[in-house]
């Protein structure tokens, strides 16, 4: 998911502008897996986030899966 507007920790509102080369917008990366795997993944990437010069926010939430339907591969 890509946000079109964000509120930074420095109390600055960022929004999409087509003329910006680099955009300072919120990004959400969602991973659904076993809690142990998610925690292990986070511990692996945590040092990269701690080295950032700018602020960031990482959340880990419990997910309730309401429906899961596996698909089948299409034969070409």
PDB file of N, CA and C in Angstrom:
ATOM      1  N   UNK A   1       0.846  -1.172   0.000  1.00  0.00           N
ATOM      2  CA  UNK A   1       0.000   0.000   0.000  1.00  0.00           C
ATOM      3  C   UNK A   1       0.889   1.232   0.000  1.00  0.00           C
ATOM      4  N   UNK A   2       0.441   2.228  -0.650  1.00  0.00           N
ATOM      5  CA  UNK A   2       1.193   3.477  -0.694  1.00  0.00           C
ATOM      6  C   UNK A   2       0.271   4.611  -0.275  1.00  0.00           C
ATOM      7  N   UNK A   3       0.712   5.355   0.697  1.00  0.00           N
ATOM      8  CA  UNK A   3      -0.101   6.471   1.160  1.00  0.00           C
ATOM      9  C   UNK A   3       0.034   7.680   0.260  1.00  0.00           C
ATOM     10  N   UNK A   4      -0.976   8.499   0.207  1.00  0.00           N
ATOM     11  CA  UNK A   4      -0.910   9.720  -0.584  1.00  0.00           C
ATOM     12  C   UNK A   4      -0.641  10.929   0.301  1.00  0.00           C
ATOM     13  N   UNK A   5      -0.716  10.741   1.617  1.00  0.00           N
ATOM     14  CA  UNK A   5      -0.428  11.825   2.533  1.00  0.00           C
ATOM     15  C   UNK A   5       0.027  11.229   3.855  1.00  0.00           C
ATOM     16  N   UNK A   6       0.979  11.855   4.502  1.00  0.00           N
ATOM     17  CA  UNK A   6       1.472  11.364   5.773  1.00  0.00           C
ATOM     18  C   UNK A   6       1.785  12.506   6.716  1.00  0.00           C
ATOM     19  N   UNK A   7       1.768  12.213   7.999  1.00  0.00           N
ATOM     20  CA  UNK A   7       2.078  13.195   9.031  1.00  0.00           C
ATOM     21  C   UNK A   7       3.350  12.736   9.710  1.00  0.00           C
ATOM     22  N   UNK A   8       4.455  13.427   9.475  1.00  0.00           N
ATOM     23  CA  UNK A   8       5.748  13.017   9.996  1.00  0.00           C
ATOM     24  C   UNK A   8       5.916  13.317  11.471  1.00  0.00           C
ATOM     25  N   UNK A   9       6.906  12.669  12.086  1.00  0.00           N
ATOM     26  CA  UNK A   9       7.180  12.883  13.508  1.00  0.00           C
ATOM     27  C   UNK A   9       7.637  14.311  13.780  1.00  0.00           C
ATOM     28  N   UNK A  10       8.081  15.006  12.750  1.00  0.00           N
ATOM     29  CA  UNK A  10       8.499  16.403  12.900  1.00  0.00           C
ATOM     30  C   UNK A  10       7.323  17.363  12.709  1.00  0.00           C
ATOM     31  N   UNK A  11       6.110  16.841  12.756  1.00  0.00           N
ATOM     32  CA  UNK A  11       4.879  17.625  12.612  1.00  0.00           C
ATOM     33  C   UNK A  11       4.767  18.292  11.247  1.00  0.00           C
ATOM     34  N   UNK A  12       5.248  17.616  10.233  1.00  0.00           N
ATOM     35  CA  UNK A  12       5.161  18.113   8.869  1.00  0.00           C
ATOM     36  C   UNK A  12       4.256  17.181   8.081  1.00  0.00           C
ATOM     37  N   UNK A  13       3.313  17.741   7.348  1.00  0.00           N
ATOM     38  CA  UNK A  13       2.427  16.927   6.524  1.00  0.00           C
ATOM     39  C   UNK A  13       3.051  16.791   5.143  1.00  0.00           C
ATOM     40  N   UNK A  14       3.209  15.557   4.693  1.00  0.00           N
ATOM     41  CA  UNK A  14       3.751  15.270   3.370  1.00  0.00           C
ATOM     42  C   UNK A  14       2.620  14.813   2.476  1.00  0.00           C
ATOM     43  N   UNK A  15       2.629  15.251   1.215  1.00  0.00           N
ATOM     44  CA  UNK A  15       1.602  14.806   0.279  1.00  0.00           C
ATOM     45  C   UNK A  15       2.225  14.610  -1.095  1.00  0.00           C
ATOM     46  N   UNK A  16       1.521  13.880  -1.954  1.00  0.00           N
ATOM     47  CA  UNK A  16       2.020  13.569  -3.282  1.00  0.00           C
ATOM     48  C   UNK A  16       2.059  14.814  -4.169  1.00  0.00           C
ATOM     49  N   UNK A  17       3.186  14.990  -4.826  1.00  0.00           N
ATOM     50  CA  UNK A  17       3.332  16.061  -5.816  1.00  0.00           C
ATOM     51  C   UNK A  17       4.042  15.441  -7.004  1.00  0.00           C
ATOM     52  N   UNK A  18       3.485  15.586  -8.165  1.00  0.00           N
ATOM     53  CA  UNK A  18       4.037  14.889  -9.326  1.00  0.00           C
ATOM     54  C   UNK A  18       5.428  15.364  -9.703  1.00  0.00           C
ATOM     55  N   UNK A  19       5.857  16.529  -9.245  1.00  0.00           N
ATOM     56  CA  UNK A  19       7.169  17.037  -9.624  1.00  0.00           C
ATOM     57  C   UNK A  19       8.279  16.580  -8.673  1.00  0.00           C
ATOM     58  N   UNK A  20       7.940  15.898  -7.583  1.00  0.00           N
ATOM     59  CA  UNK A  20       8.977  15.436  -6.660  1.00  0.00           C
ATOM     60  C   UNK A  20       9.652  14.181  -7.193  1.00  0.00           C
ATOM     61  N   UNK A  21      10.975  14.172  -7.150  1.00  0.00           N
ATOM     62  CA  UNK A  21      11.720  12.988  -7.572  1.00  0.00           C
ATOM     63  C   UNK A  21      11.642  11.910  -6.494  1.00  0.00           C
ATOM     64  N   UNK A  22      11.850  12.301  -5.243  1.00  0.00           N
ATOM     65  CA  UNK A  22      11.715  11.355  -4.142  1.00  0.00           C
ATOM     66  C   UNK A  22      10.538  11.802  -3.299  1.00  0.00           C
ATOM     67  N   UNK A  23       9.701  10.882  -2.960  1.00  0.00           N
ATOM     68  CA  UNK A  23       8.517  11.209  -2.184  1.00  0.00           C
ATOM     69  C   UNK A  23       8.693  10.758  -0.750  1.00  0.00           C
ATOM     70  N   UNK A  24       8.269  11.584   0.178  1.00  0.00           N
ATOM     71  CA  UNK A  24       8.357  11.282   1.598  1.00  0.00           C
ATOM     72  C   UNK A  24       6.960  10.898   2.075  1.00  0.00           C
ATOM     73  N   UNK A  25       6.514   9.721   1.671  1.00  0.00           N
ATOM     74  CA  UNK A  25       5.157   9.289   1.970  1.00  0.00           C
ATOM     75  C   UNK A  25       5.171   7.991   2.761  1.00  0.00           C
ATOM     76  N   UNK A  26       4.099   7.739   3.493  1.00  0.00           N
ATOM     77  CA  UNK A  26       4.041   6.495   4.271  1.00  0.00           C
ATOM     78  C   UNK A  26       3.953   5.274   3.362  1.00  0.00           C
ATOM     79  N   UNK A  27       4.571   4.210   3.815  1.00  0.00           N
ATOM     80  CA  UNK A  27       4.527   2.928   3.106  1.00  0.00           C
ATOM     81  C   UNK A  27       4.113   1.875   4.110  1.00  0.00           C
ATOM     82  N   UNK A  28       3.180   1.009   3.724  1.00  0.00           N
ATOM     83  CA  UNK A  28       2.750  -0.095   4.565  1.00  0.00           C
ATOM     84  C   UNK A  28       3.141  -1.391   3.874  1.00  0.00           C
ATOM     85  N   UNK A  29       3.903  -2.205   4.576  1.00  0.00           N
ATOM     86  CA  UNK A  29       4.246  -3.534   4.086  1.00  0.00           C
ATOM     87  C   UNK A  29       3.576  -4.514   5.029  1.00  0.00           C
ATOM     88  N   UNK A  30       2.735  -5.359   4.483  1.00  0.00           N
ATOM     89  CA  UNK A  30       1.964  -6.284   5.306  1.00  0.00           C
ATOM     90  C   UNK A  30       2.447  -7.698   5.059  1.00  0.00           C
ATOM     91  N   UNK A  31       2.801  -8.393   6.135  1.00  0.00           N
ATOM     92  CA  UNK A  31       3.266  -9.774   6.049  1.00  0.00           C
ATOM     93  C   UNK A  31       2.389 -10.617   6.965  1.00  0.00           C
ATOM     94  N   UNK A  32       1.835 -11.683   6.447  1.00  0.00           N
ATOM     95  CA  UNK A  32       1.018 -12.592   7.246  1.00  0.00           C
ATOM     96  C   UNK A  32       1.735 -13.924   7.291  1.00  0.00           C
ATOM     97  N   UNK A  33       2.108 -14.353   8.495  1.00  0.00           N
ATOM     98  CA  UNK A  33       2.814 -15.620   8.683  1.00  0.00           C
ATOM     99  C   UNK A  33       2.718 -15.999  10.149  1.00  0.00           C
ATOM    100  N   UNK A  34       3.378 -17.085  10.509  1.00  0.00           N
ATOM    101  CA  UNK A  34       3.413 -17.505  11.911  1.00  0.00           C
ATOM    102  C   UNK A  34       4.069 -16.403  12.750  1.00  0.00           C
ATOM    103  N   UNK A  35       3.553 -16.148  13.958  1.00  0.00           N
ATOM    104  CA  UNK A  35       4.119 -15.087  14.794  1.00  0.00           C
ATOM    105  C   UNK A  35       5.634 -15.209  15.003  1.00  0.00           C
ATOM    106  N   UNK A  36       6.131 -16.427  15.193  1.00  0.00           N
ATOM    107  CA  UNK A  36       7.568 -16.611  15.390  1.00  0.00           C
ATOM    108  C   UNK A  36       8.362 -16.182  14.163  1.00  0.00           C
ATOM    109  N   UNK A  37       7.844 -16.479  12.977  1.00  0.00           N
ATOM    110  CA  UNK A  37       8.534 -16.093  11.745  1.00  0.00           C
ATOM    111  C   UNK A  37       8.522 -14.574  11.559  1.00  0.00           C
ATOM    112  N   UNK A  38       7.401 -13.940  11.907  1.00  0.00           N
ATOM    113  CA  UNK A  38       7.301 -12.487  11.782  1.00  0.00           C
ATOM    114  C   UNK A  38       8.285 -11.819  12.749  1.00  0.00           C
ATOM    115  N   UNK A  39       8.343 -12.302  13.991  1.00  0.00           N
ATOM    116  CA  UNK A  39       9.278 -11.743  14.972  1.00  0.00           C
ATOM    117  C   UNK A  39      10.723 -11.925  14.519  1.00  0.00           C
ATOM    118  N   UNK A  40      11.045 -13.092  13.986  1.00  0.00           N
ATOM    119  CA  UNK A  40      12.399 -13.357  13.504  1.00  0.00           C
ATOM    120  C   UNK A  40      12.740 -12.421  12.340  1.00  0.00           C
ATOM    121  N   UNK A  41      11.794 -12.242  11.423  1.00  0.00           N
ATOM    122  CA  UNK A  41      12.006 -11.324  10.299  1.00  0.00           C
ATOM    123  C   UNK A  41      12.251  -9.906  10.803  1.00  0.00           C
ATOM    124  N   UNK A  42      11.445  -9.478  11.778  1.00  0.00           N
ATOM    125  CA  UNK A  42      11.608  -8.130  12.311  1.00  0.00           C
ATOM    126  C   UNK A  42      12.981  -7.960  12.960  1.00  0.00           C
ATOM    127  N   UNK A  43      13.408  -8.936  13.735  1.00  0.00           N
ATOM    128  CA  UNK A  43      14.721  -8.852  14.374  1.00  0.00           C
ATOM    129  C   UNK A  43      15.835  -8.771  13.329  1.00  0.00           C
ATOM    130  N   UNK A  44      15.615  -9.387  12.163  1.00  0.00           N
ATOM    131  CA  UNK A  44      16.597  -9.346  11.084  1.00  0.00           C
ATOM    132  C   UNK A  44      16.687  -7.951  10.464  1.00  0.00           C
ATOM    133  N   UNK A  45      15.544  -7.289  10.272  1.00  0.00           N
ATOM    134  CA  UNK A  45      15.544  -5.979   9.611  1.00  0.00           C
ATOM    135  C   UNK A  45      15.656  -4.807  10.584  1.00  0.00           C
ATOM    136  N   UNK A  46      15.465  -5.050  11.861  1.00  0.00           N
ATOM    137  CA  UNK A  46      15.483  -3.986  12.872  1.00  0.00           C
ATOM    138  C   UNK A  46      16.744  -3.118  12.826  1.00  0.00           C
ATOM    139  N   UNK A  47      17.953  -3.688  12.682  1.00  0.00           N
ATOM    140  CA  UNK A  47      19.151  -2.830  12.632  1.00  0.00           C
ATOM    141  C   UNK A  47      19.119  -1.805  11.500  1.00  0.00           C
ATOM    142  N   UNK A  48      18.516  -2.140  10.375  1.00  0.00           N
ATOM    143  CA  UNK A  48      18.417  -1.191   9.255  1.00  0.00           C
ATOM    144  C   UNK A  48      17.532  -0.002   9.621  1.00  0.00           C
ATOM    145  N   UNK A  49      16.434  -0.275  10.320  1.00  0.00           N
ATOM    146  CA  UNK A  49      15.537   0.802  10.730  1.00  0.00           C
ATOM    147  C   UNK A  49      16.170   1.664  11.815  1.00  0.00           C
ATOM    148  N   UNK A  50      16.946   1.051  12.702  1.00  0.00           N
ATOM    149  CA  UNK A  50      17.596   1.810  13.768  1.00  0.00           C
ATOM    150  C   UNK A  50      18.662   2.762  13.216  1.00  0.00           C
ATOM    151  N   UNK A  51      19.204   2.472  12.040  1.00  0.00           N
ATOM    152  CA  UNK A  51      20.227   3.329  11.427  1.00  0.00           C
ATOM    153  C   UNK A  51      19.630   4.477  10.618  1.00  0.00           C
ATOM    154  N   UNK A  52      18.319   4.484  10.399  1.00  0.00           N
ATOM    155  CA  UNK A  52      17.693   5.551   9.616  1.00  0.00           C
ATOM    156  C   UNK A  52      17.899   6.901  10.287  1.00  0.00           C
ATOM    157  N   UNK A  53      18.157   7.922   9.478  1.00  0.00           N
ATOM    158  CA  UNK A  53      18.290   9.281  10.017  1.00  0.00           C
ATOM    159  C   UNK A  53      16.920   9.890  10.279  1.00  0.00           C
ATOM    160  N   UNK A  54      15.919   9.410   9.560  1.00  0.00           N
ATOM    161  CA  UNK A  54      14.564   9.929   9.740  1.00  0.00           C
ATOM    162  C   UNK A  54      13.774   8.979  10.630  1.00  0.00           C
ATOM    163  N   UNK A  55      12.609   9.399  11.040  1.00  0.00           N
ATOM    164  CA  UNK A  55      11.781   8.575  11.908  1.00  0.00           C
ATOM    165  C   UNK A  55      11.074   7.465  11.148  1.00  0.00           C
ATOM    166  N   UNK A  56      10.605   6.489  11.887  1.00  0.00           N
ATOM    167  CA  UNK A  56       9.831   5.404  11.299  1.00  0.00           C
ATOM    168  C   UNK A  56       8.950   4.792  12.377  1.00  0.00           C
ATOM    169  N   UNK A  57       8.031   3.961  11.953  1.00  0.00           N
ATOM    170  CA  UNK A  57       7.132   3.279  12.868  1.00  0.00           C
ATOM    171  C   UNK A  57       6.946   1.861  12.359  1.00  0.00           C
ATOM    172  N   UNK A  58       7.164   0.883  13.225  1.00  0.00           N
ATOM    173  CA  UNK A  58       6.949  -0.518  12.876  1.00  0.00           C
ATOM    174  C   UNK A  58       5.934  -1.068  13.866  1.00  0.00           C
ATOM    175  N   UNK A  59       4.881  -1.685  13.361  1.00  0.00           N
ATOM    176  CA  UNK A  59       3.879  -2.310  14.226  1.00  0.00           C
ATOM    177  C   UNK A  59       3.763  -3.780  13.869  1.00  0.00           C
ATOM    178  N   UNK A  60       3.445  -4.590  14.851  1.00  0.00           N
ATOM    179  CA  UNK A  60       3.171  -6.010  14.639  1.00  0.00           C
ATOM    180  C   UNK A  60       1.836  -6.287  15.313  1.00  0.00           C
ATOM    181  N   UNK A  61       0.873  -6.699  14.517  1.00  0.00           N
ATOM    182  CA  UNK A  61      -0.481  -6.931  15.017  1.00  0.00           C
ATOM    183  C   UNK A  61      -0.885  -8.379  14.793  1.00  0.00           C
ATOM    184  N   UNK A  62      -1.730  -8.869  15.679  1.00  0.00           N
ATOM    185  CA  UNK A  62      -2.314 -10.191  15.497  1.00  0.00           C
ATOM    186  C   UNK A  62      -3.362 -10.085  14.390  1.00  0.00           C
ATOM    187  N   UNK A  63      -3.419 -11.084  13.519  1.00  0.00           N
ATOM    188  CA  UNK A  63      -4.352 -11.080  12.400  1.00  0.00           C
ATOM    189  C   UNK A  63      -5.389 -12.179  12.569  1.00  0.00           C
ATOM    190  N   UNK A  64      -6.613 -11.829  12.313  1.00  0.00           N
ATOM    191  CA  UNK A  64      -7.698 -12.820  12.296  1.00  0.00           C
ATOM    192  C   UNK A  64      -8.018 -13.085  10.830  1.00  0.00           C
ATOM    193  N   UNK A  65      -7.767 -14.299  10.376  1.00  0.00           N
ATOM    194  CA  UNK A  65      -8.038 -14.649   8.982  1.00  0.00           C
ATOM    195  C   UNK A  65      -9.481 -15.118   8.881  1.00  0.00           C
ATOM    196  N   UNK A  66     -10.292 -14.347   8.191  1.00  0.00           N
ATOM    197  CA  UNK A  66     -11.715 -14.662   8.047  1.00  0.00           C
ATOM    198  C   UNK A  66     -11.950 -15.692   6.947  1.00  0.00           C
ATOM    199  N   UNK A  67     -11.113 -15.701   5.922  1.00  0.00           N
ATOM    200  CA  UNK A  67     -11.265 -16.650   4.821  1.00  0.00           C
ATOM    201  C   UNK A  67      -9.909 -16.865   4.173  1.00  0.00           C
ATOM    202  N   UNK A  68      -9.571 -18.103   3.915  1.00  0.00           N
ATOM    203  CA  UNK A  68      -8.361 -18.417   3.169  1.00  0.00           C
ATOM    204  C   UNK A  68      -8.732 -19.483   2.158  1.00  0.00           C
ATOM    205  N   UNK A  69      -8.525 -19.214   0.899  1.00  0.00           N
ATOM    206  CA  UNK A  69      -8.844 -20.150  -0.166  1.00  0.00           C
ATOM    207  C   UNK A  69      -7.617 -20.243  -1.045  1.00  0.00           C
ATOM    208  N   UNK A  70      -7.026 -21.425  -1.102  1.00  0.00           N
ATOM    209  CA  UNK A  70      -5.853 -21.575  -1.962  1.00  0.00           C
ATOM    210  C   UNK A  70      -6.304 -21.748  -3.393  1.00  0.00           C
ATOM    211  N   UNK A  71      -5.465 -21.294  -4.291  1.00  0.00           N
ATOM    212  CA  UNK A  71      -5.776 -21.372  -5.718  1.00  0.00           C
ATOM    213  C   UNK A  71      -5.051 -22.540  -6.364  1.00  0.00           C
ATOM    214  N   UNK A  72      -5.286 -22.714  -7.635  1.00  0.00           N
ATOM    215  CA  UNK A  72      -4.593 -23.737  -8.395  1.00  0.00           C
ATOM    216  C   UNK A  72      -3.836 -23.063  -9.533  1.00  0.00           C
ATOM    217  N   UNK A  73      -2.711 -23.658  -9.913  1.00  0.00           N
ATOM    218  CA  UNK A  73      -1.930 -23.122 -11.020  1.00  0.00           C
ATOM    219  C   UNK A  73      -2.638 -23.364 -12.335  1.00  0.00           C
ATOM    220  N   UNK A  74      -2.530 -22.367 -13.211  1.00  0.00           N
ATOM    221  CA  UNK A  74      -3.093 -22.510 -14.554  1.00  0.00           C
ATOM    222  C   UNK A  74      -2.075 -23.188 -15.442  1.00  0.00           C
ATOM    223  N   UNK A  75      -2.496 -24.151 -16.201  1.00  0.00           N
ATOM    224  CA  UNK A  75      -1.617 -24.769 -17.192  1.00  0.00           C
ATOM    225  C   UNK A  75      -1.685 -23.953 -18.464  1.00  0.00           C
ATOM    226  N   UNK A  76      -0.522 -23.585 -18.984  1.00  0.00           N
ATOM    227  CA  UNK A  76      -0.501 -22.767 -20.196  1.00  0.00           C
ATOM    228  C   UNK A  76      -0.351 -23.625 -21.422  1.00  0.00           C
TER     229      UNK A  76
END
